[in-house]
Protein backbone atom coordinates (compact mmCIF):
# COMPACT_ATOMS: atom_id res chain seq x y z
CA MET A 1 107.11 92.89 150.50
CA LYS A 2 104.99 94.63 153.16
CA GLY A 3 102.44 93.62 155.77
CA THR A 4 101.32 93.78 159.37
CA ALA A 5 102.09 91.52 162.34
CA VAL A 6 102.41 91.55 166.10
CA ALA A 7 104.11 94.75 167.26
CA ASN A 8 107.85 94.49 167.84
CA GLY A 9 107.86 90.92 166.59
CA THR A 10 109.80 89.33 163.75
CA VAL A 11 108.40 88.19 160.39
CA THR A 12 110.09 85.37 158.51
CA ILE A 13 109.52 85.18 154.73
CA TYR A 14 109.70 81.88 152.82
CA ASN A 15 109.73 80.80 149.18
CA ASN A 16 108.54 77.23 148.67
CA GLY A 17 109.32 76.63 152.35
CA ASN A 18 112.86 78.02 152.14
CA VAL A 19 113.70 81.10 154.20
CA LEU A 20 114.28 84.22 152.11
CA GLY A 21 114.90 86.48 155.10
CA THR A 22 113.37 88.22 158.09
CA ALA A 23 111.92 91.63 158.88
CA LYS A 24 111.49 93.49 162.18
CA VAL A 25 107.96 94.63 163.00
CA ASP A 26 107.72 98.20 164.33
CA ASP A 27 105.71 99.25 167.39
CA LYS A 28 102.72 99.98 165.14
CA GLY A 29 102.70 96.49 163.66
CA ASN A 30 104.11 97.34 160.22
CA TRP A 31 106.94 95.56 158.47
CA SER A 32 108.63 95.50 155.05
CA PHE A 33 111.21 93.28 153.41
CA THR A 34 113.35 93.58 150.28
CA PRO A 35 115.20 90.43 149.18
CA GLU A 36 118.97 90.61 149.16
CA PRO A 37 120.42 89.48 146.80
CA ALA A 38 117.77 90.29 144.18
CA LEU A 39 115.46 87.49 143.12
CA LYS A 40 116.34 85.66 139.94
CA ASP A 41 113.86 85.27 137.10
CA GLY A 42 111.35 82.56 137.88
CA THR A 43 108.15 81.68 139.73
CA TYR A 44 107.86 82.28 143.48
CA ASN A 45 105.43 80.99 146.14
CA ILE A 46 105.79 83.28 149.13
CA THR A 47 104.54 82.63 152.66
CA ALA A 48 105.36 84.27 156.01
CA ASN A 49 104.90 83.80 159.75
CA ALA A 50 105.44 86.00 162.79
CA THR A 51 107.31 85.45 166.04
CA ASN A 52 106.44 87.60 169.04
CA THR A 53 108.81 88.89 171.68
CA VAL A 54 108.45 85.79 173.87
CA GLY A 55 109.18 83.37 171.01
CA GLN A 56 105.69 82.27 170.06
CA VAL A 57 105.34 81.52 166.32
CA SER A 58 102.17 82.09 164.28
CA ASP A 59 100.83 79.88 161.51
CA LYS A 60 102.10 80.63 158.01
CA THR A 61 100.13 82.87 155.72
CA GLY A 62 98.51 81.63 152.55
CA ILE A 63 100.67 81.44 149.43
CA PHE A 64 101.33 84.65 147.51
CA ASP A 65 102.63 83.54 144.11
CA PHE A 66 104.21 85.67 141.39
CA THR A 67 106.75 85.51 138.59
CA VAL A 68 109.93 87.56 138.33
CA ASP A 69 110.72 88.42 134.69
CA THR A 70 113.48 90.89 133.96
CA THR A 71 114.14 89.77 130.38
CA PRO A 72 112.98 92.21 127.67
CA PRO A 73 110.85 90.67 124.94
CA GLY A 74 112.12 90.39 121.40
CA ALA A 75 111.35 93.03 118.80
CA VAL A 76 108.36 92.75 116.51
CA GLU A 77 108.91 90.17 113.78
CA ASN A 78 107.58 90.31 110.22
CA LEU A 79 106.45 93.92 110.60
CA LEU A 80 104.02 94.71 107.78
CA ILE A 81 102.67 98.15 106.91
CA SER A 82 99.76 97.81 104.49
CA ASP A 83 98.15 100.27 102.09
CA ASN A 84 94.39 99.63 101.89
CA GLU A 85 93.35 102.58 99.71
CA GLY A 86 93.51 103.56 96.06
CA ALA A 87 94.66 101.75 92.96
CA TYR A 88 97.63 100.14 94.70
CA GLN A 89 96.86 98.11 97.79
CA GLY A 90 99.43 95.94 99.51
CA PRO A 91 102.67 96.02 101.50
CA LEU A 92 104.67 99.22 101.87
CA LYS A 93 108.44 99.20 102.14
CA ASP A 94 110.97 101.71 103.38
CA GLY A 95 110.92 104.83 101.19
CA ASP A 96 107.44 104.25 99.71
CA THR A 97 104.67 106.80 99.34
CA THR A 98 101.07 105.86 100.14
CA ASP A 99 97.69 107.46 99.56
CA ASP A 100 96.34 105.58 102.60
CA SER A 101 96.22 107.94 105.61
CA THR A 102 95.27 105.05 107.92
CA PRO A 103 97.69 102.26 106.95
CA THR A 104 97.49 99.01 108.89
CA PHE A 105 100.45 97.79 110.97
CA SER A 106 100.72 94.09 111.81
CA GLY A 107 103.26 91.43 112.75
CA LYS A 108 104.30 88.86 115.32
CA ALA A 109 105.34 89.44 118.95
CA GLU A 110 105.38 87.76 122.36
CA ALA A 111 101.88 86.51 123.25
CA GLY A 112 100.10 88.67 125.81
CA SER A 113 102.48 91.60 125.34
CA THR A 114 101.65 95.08 124.04
CA VAL A 115 103.02 96.56 120.82
CA SER A 116 103.50 100.33 120.65
CA VAL A 117 103.65 102.05 117.26
CA TYR A 118 105.63 105.28 117.01
CA ASN A 119 106.32 108.01 114.51
CA ASP A 120 109.74 109.56 115.09
CA GLY A 121 109.51 108.65 118.79
CA ASN A 122 105.93 109.89 119.25
CA LEU A 123 103.37 107.25 120.21
CA LEU A 124 100.66 106.69 117.60
CA GLY A 125 98.90 103.89 119.46
CA THR A 126 99.14 100.40 120.91
CA ALA A 127 97.89 96.90 120.10
CA LYS A 128 97.46 93.85 122.31
CA VAL A 129 99.19 90.70 121.08
CA GLY A 130 96.94 87.66 120.90
CA SER A 131 97.68 84.19 122.22
CA ASP A 132 98.81 83.25 118.70
CA GLY A 133 101.40 86.05 118.66
CA ASN A 134 99.54 88.12 116.07
CA TRP A 135 98.70 91.80 116.43
CA SER A 136 97.29 94.58 114.27
CA PHE A 137 96.98 98.34 114.59
CA THR A 138 95.25 100.96 112.44
CA PRO A 139 95.39 104.66 113.40
CA SER A 140 92.02 105.85 114.72
CA SER A 141 92.47 109.21 113.00
CA PRO A 142 93.88 109.85 109.51
CA LEU A 143 97.57 110.74 109.40
CA PRO A 144 98.21 114.18 107.89
CA ASP A 145 100.14 114.24 104.63
CA GLY A 146 103.86 114.22 105.29
CA ASP A 147 106.94 112.11 105.96
CA TYR A 148 106.85 109.48 108.70
CA LYS A 149 109.49 107.46 110.54
CA PHE A 150 107.67 104.40 111.87
CA THR A 151 109.05 102.13 114.61
CA THR A 152 107.53 99.64 117.06
CA THR A 153 108.42 98.30 120.50
CA VAL A 154 107.10 95.37 122.53
CA THR A 155 106.33 95.58 126.27
CA ASP A 156 105.68 92.31 128.13
CA LYS A 157 103.34 91.68 131.08
CA ALA A 158 106.13 92.44 133.57
CA GLY A 159 106.73 95.87 132.02
CA ASN A 160 109.96 95.05 130.19
CA THR A 161 110.29 96.85 126.85
CA GLY A 162 112.40 95.41 124.08
CA ASP A 163 114.40 97.05 121.33
CA ALA A 164 112.66 99.13 118.68
CA THR A 165 112.36 97.86 115.14
CA PRO A 166 114.39 99.62 112.43
CA VAL A 167 112.87 102.86 111.12
CA VAL A 168 110.53 102.50 108.15
CA ASN A 169 110.29 105.77 106.22
CA ILE A 170 106.89 106.25 104.62
CA THR A 171 105.37 109.34 102.99
CA VAL A 172 101.61 109.84 103.25
CA ASP A 173 100.31 111.77 100.26
CA THR A 174 96.56 111.86 99.68
CA SER A 175 96.58 114.74 97.19
CA GLY A 176 95.52 113.97 93.63
CA VAL A 177 97.99 112.95 90.93
CA GLU A 178 98.21 115.37 88.00
CA VAL A 179 99.83 114.97 84.60
CA ARG A 180 99.92 117.09 81.45
CA LEU A 181 101.43 116.40 78.07
CA ASP A 182 102.27 119.91 76.94
CA LYS A 183 104.16 119.52 73.69
CA LEU A 184 106.27 117.43 71.35
CA VAL A 185 109.50 119.01 70.13
CA ASP A 186 111.16 118.41 66.75
CA ASN A 187 114.96 118.61 67.07
CA VAL A 188 115.90 117.28 63.60
CA GLY A 189 116.09 118.77 60.09
CA ASP A 190 115.48 122.26 58.71
CA ILE A 191 112.25 122.81 60.63
CA THR A 192 112.58 122.41 64.40
CA GLY A 193 110.53 123.41 67.40
CA ASP A 194 107.14 122.51 68.76
CA ILE A 195 105.08 120.08 66.69
CA THR A 196 101.52 121.24 66.14
CA PRO A 197 98.69 118.89 67.15
CA ASN A 198 98.07 116.37 64.35
CA GLY A 199 101.12 117.81 62.62
CA VAL A 200 103.95 116.14 60.72
CA THR A 201 107.61 115.85 61.73
CA ASP A 202 110.79 114.38 60.29
CA ASP A 203 112.09 113.74 63.82
CA THR A 204 111.60 110.02 64.51
CA ARG A 205 112.54 110.58 68.15
CA PRO A 206 110.77 113.79 69.16
CA GLU A 207 111.13 115.06 72.71
CA ILE A 208 107.89 114.68 74.66
CA VAL A 209 107.46 117.37 77.31
CA GLY A 210 104.93 117.81 80.10
CA THR A 211 104.24 118.57 83.73
CA GLY A 212 103.08 116.45 86.63
CA LYS A 213 103.37 115.74 90.31
CA PRO A 214 106.98 115.70 91.58
CA GLY A 215 108.22 112.14 92.03
CA SER A 216 105.51 110.63 89.83
CA ILE A 217 106.59 108.03 87.31
CA ILE A 218 105.32 108.84 83.81
CA LYS A 219 104.90 106.03 81.28
CA ILE A 220 104.55 107.04 77.63
CA TYR A 221 102.74 104.85 75.10
CA ASP A 222 102.34 104.95 71.35
CA GLY A 223 98.98 103.25 71.07
CA ALA A 224 99.35 100.13 73.19
CA THR A 225 103.14 100.08 72.84
CA LEU A 226 105.15 101.32 75.81
CA LEU A 227 107.80 103.76 74.62
CA GLY A 228 109.39 104.20 78.03
CA SER A 229 109.08 106.07 81.31
CA THR A 230 110.50 109.04 83.15
CA THR A 231 110.21 110.65 86.58
CA VAL A 232 108.69 114.08 87.21
CA ASN A 233 111.23 116.61 88.48
CA ALA A 234 110.90 118.65 91.67
CA ASP A 235 109.75 121.65 89.57
CA LYS A 236 106.90 119.50 88.14
CA SER A 237 108.52 119.24 84.70
CA TRP A 238 109.23 116.02 82.81
CA SER A 239 110.49 115.12 79.39
CA PHE A 240 111.06 111.93 77.46
CA THR A 241 112.85 111.12 74.22
CA PRO A 242 112.21 107.70 72.63
CA THR A 243 115.27 105.47 72.44
CA THR A 244 114.08 103.90 69.18
CA ASP A 245 112.66 105.48 66.04
CA LEU A 246 108.91 105.96 65.81
CA GLY A 247 107.32 104.49 62.70
CA GLN A 248 105.67 106.64 60.03
CA ARG A 249 101.88 106.89 60.07
CA GLN A 250 98.99 109.24 59.48
CA PRO A 251 97.47 111.15 62.39
CA GLN A 252 94.43 109.36 63.91
CA HIS A 253 91.16 111.18 64.51
CA TYR A 254 88.43 109.79 66.77
CA ARG A 255 84.95 111.26 66.59
CA ASP A 256 83.92 109.91 70.01
CA GLY A 257 86.59 111.85 71.88
CA THR A 258 88.25 108.79 73.39
CA ASP A 259 91.42 106.89 72.60
CA ARG A 260 90.64 103.23 71.88
CA THR A 261 94.03 102.19 73.24
CA CYS A 262 93.47 103.98 76.56
CA PRO A 263 89.85 103.31 77.56
CA ALA A 264 87.89 105.79 79.63
CA THR A 265 90.40 108.61 79.19
CA PRO A 266 90.10 111.77 77.10
CA ARG A 267 91.92 111.78 73.77
CA SER A 268 95.06 113.88 73.60
CA ASN A 269 95.33 116.28 70.67
CA LEU A 270 98.88 115.00 70.38
CA GLY A 271 97.82 111.37 69.98
CA ILE A 272 100.12 110.15 72.75
CA CYS A 273 98.93 108.09 75.70
CA VAL A 274 100.49 108.71 79.10
CA HIS A 275 100.19 106.40 82.10
CA TYR A 276 101.42 107.76 85.39
CA ARG A 277 102.20 106.26 88.80
CA HIS A 278 102.99 108.18 91.98
CA ARG A 279 104.55 105.60 94.33
CA GLY A 280 101.48 103.94 95.70
CA THR A 281 98.84 105.41 93.37
CA ASN A 282 98.06 104.58 89.77
CA SER A 283 95.99 106.33 87.15
CA THR A 284 95.85 106.86 83.41
CA ASN A 285 95.52 110.14 81.58
CA TYR A 286 97.01 111.73 78.53
């Protein structure tokens, strides 16, 4: 606490009428006072008066009120990172991949405080918490594709900062999803090897081979029937072998160039429908 008073006098400082301490005024009329011991958390109503060198006492000053708060706020509660782009829109969890380069962060925190959003310790931005405890933050610029380690902290009006939330690992990937069904392989009987388009095989569980985006989940259908799924390898390759025998049938030929079981997608020469999902994005091709 600092102020001015009669030179060489003494200033007495009060809280709610109770003496906190005194300070000596220098010959230029300046004084300062630091409470000892330190003030406890709470609300204070400070006044002061001055006594000159002959013992005359001034009137008290007006009240200077403030609150001491040394308690850090709690961490963000119910932290939600939301994908708002593409086929999948909704909450993201630790380890997910999103095609949304400006995901929305939201949650609950101490009213009137400020939430800071970080990536690996680097500040992305801040959000003011409303009187209802709600806050929301969306990056003003798109996040480049890559891996992110998101955390948040809360800073209250007094400047106390609480603990960070646990790291949420999210990958931003806005590149397109690709999938190819390259071949079916016969591994049974006298004739083995690649099956020609619209060909015939005695292998009721042929290996289905293709390429796609690493980490994508490939779903393989026979017509509208899901045969199963597999994950694309790091080298872009994938393969799938049915776990049950495929039924016998004649090859199907469509003059309109579309597969009636997979609308709005080009017909595969192999007659197999592939649905693929890349952790946060969905599409259908085959």
